[in-house]
Structures are given as C-alpha cells and as structure tokens.
Amino acid sequence: MECKECGEEVDEVFPVKVSGRRKKICEDCVDRLREEGEIAEAAESAIQDMMEYKGRR
C-alpha cells in the first residue's frame, strides 16, 4: 500500500481525517501530523494567554 501523504510504499496505512478529508497515511505521517497539531494548539494557547483571552473557540 502507498501512503497518500508521503508517497512511500508501506505495509500498513491508517485512515485519518486531515484538513476535513479522509486520507490513508502511514504511521510515521500520523505521528508527524499529531505532533504538528499539538504544537499549533500550544502556540494558539500561548497567544491567547498573552492577550488574556478567556473564552474558547
């Protein structure tokens, strides 16, 4: 099978929702996307703290 994110040939792919679309991607890409999401969430939280924003989207 082929990963739709990196194009590598892998043994197993996982269905994941990326930007509102379902993709079948490899475990390495799943980990990378999860880390990117956590970093983006932490950055947004830091900005909201600096601006003293009390609500959530």
C-alpha atoms as a PDB file:
ATOM      1  CA  MET A   1       0.000   0.000   0.000  1.00  0.00           C
ATOM      2  CA  GLU A   2       1.068   3.571  -0.566  1.00  0.00           C
ATOM      3  CA  CYS A   3       0.878   6.443   1.916  1.00  0.00           C
ATOM      4  CA  LYS A   4      -1.151   9.330   0.482  1.00  0.00           C
ATOM      5  CA  GLU A   5       0.864  11.899   2.475  1.00  0.00           C
ATOM      6  CA  CYS A   6       4.492  10.972   1.742  1.00  0.00           C
ATOM      7  CA  GLY A   7       4.080   8.560  -1.185  1.00  0.00           C
ATOM      8  CA  GLU A   8       6.153   5.819   0.471  1.00  0.00           C
ATOM      9  CA  GLU A   9       5.320   2.148  -0.002  1.00  0.00           C
ATOM     10  CA  VAL A  10       4.301   0.784   3.443  1.00  0.00           C
ATOM     11  CA  ASP A  11       2.861  -2.394   4.939  1.00  0.00           C
ATOM     12  CA  GLU A  12       0.011  -0.729   6.834  1.00  0.00           C
ATOM     13  CA  VAL A  13      -1.902   2.542   6.401  1.00  0.00           C
ATOM     14  CA  PHE A  14      -4.280   4.230   8.835  1.00  0.00           C
ATOM     15  CA  PRO A  15      -7.410   6.194   7.859  1.00  0.00           C
ATOM     16  CA  VAL A  16      -7.061   9.710   9.321  1.00  0.00           C
ATOM     17  CA  LYS A  17      -9.008  12.922   8.781  1.00  0.00           C
ATOM     18  CA  VAL A  18      -6.620  15.632   7.517  1.00  0.00           C
ATOM     19  CA  SER A  19      -7.956  19.127   6.804  1.00  0.00           C
ATOM     20  CA  GLY A  20     -11.512  17.791   6.636  1.00  0.00           C
ATOM     21  CA  ARG A  21     -10.627  14.990   4.199  1.00  0.00           C
ATOM     22  CA  ARG A  22     -10.039  11.310   4.928  1.00  0.00           C
ATOM     23  CA  LYS A  23      -6.613  10.032   3.917  1.00  0.00           C
ATOM     24  CA  LYS A  24      -4.884   6.704   4.377  1.00  0.00           C
ATOM     25  CA  ILE A  25      -1.429   7.515   5.691  1.00  0.00           C
ATOM     26  CA  CYS A  26       1.492   5.630   7.265  1.00  0.00           C
ATOM     27  CA  GLU A  27       2.306   5.542  10.971  1.00  0.00           C
ATOM     28  CA  ASP A  28       5.219   7.997  10.590  1.00  0.00           C
ATOM     29  CA  CYS A  29       2.961  10.589   8.949  1.00  0.00           C
ATOM     30  CA  VAL A  30       0.293  10.047  11.635  1.00  0.00           C
ATOM     31  CA  ASP A  31       2.887  10.769  14.338  1.00  0.00           C
ATOM     32  CA  ARG A  32       4.213  13.832  12.485  1.00  0.00           C
ATOM     33  CA  LEU A  33       0.728  15.287  11.946  1.00  0.00           C
ATOM     34  CA  ARG A  34      -0.191  14.664  15.594  1.00  0.00           C
ATOM     35  CA  GLU A  35       2.959  16.494  16.742  1.00  0.00           C
ATOM     36  CA  GLU A  36       2.260  19.412  14.394  1.00  0.00           C
ATOM     37  CA  GLY A  37      -1.284  19.650  15.759  1.00  0.00           C
ATOM     38  CA  GLU A  38      -0.068  19.658  19.356  1.00  0.00           C
ATOM     39  CA  ILE A  39       2.486  22.385  18.578  1.00  0.00           C
ATOM     40  CA  ALA A  40      -0.152  24.516  16.842  1.00  0.00           C
ATOM     41  CA  GLU A  41      -2.530  24.084  19.780  1.00  0.00           C
ATOM     42  CA  ALA A  42       0.177  25.084  22.273  1.00  0.00           C
ATOM     43  CA  ALA A  43       1.077  28.131  20.187  1.00  0.00           C
ATOM     44  CA  GLU A  44      -2.557  29.231  19.996  1.00  0.00           C
ATOM     45  CA  SER A  45      -2.895  28.793  23.751  1.00  0.00           C
ATOM     46  CA  ALA A  46       0.223  30.900  24.371  1.00  0.00           C
ATOM     47  CA  ILE A  47      -1.100  33.700  22.162  1.00  0.00           C
ATOM     48  CA  GLN A  48      -4.474  33.624  23.924  1.00  0.00           C
ATOM     49  CA  ASP A  49      -2.737  33.781  27.317  1.00  0.00           C
ATOM     50  CA  MET A  50      -0.697  36.803  26.212  1.00  0.00           C
ATOM     51  CA  MET A  51      -3.868  38.538  25.035  1.00  0.00           C
ATOM     52  CA  GLU A  52      -5.714  37.493  28.235  1.00  0.00           C
ATOM     53  CA  TYR A  53      -8.409  35.765  26.165  1.00  0.00           C
ATOM     54  CA  LYS A  54     -10.696  33.800  28.488  1.00  0.00           C
ATOM     55  CA  GLY A  55     -13.047  32.038  26.049  1.00  0.00           C
ATOM     56  CA  ARG A  56     -12.553  29.171  23.633  1.00  0.00           C
ATOM     57  CA  ARG A  57     -13.472  28.874  20.006  1.00  0.00           C
END
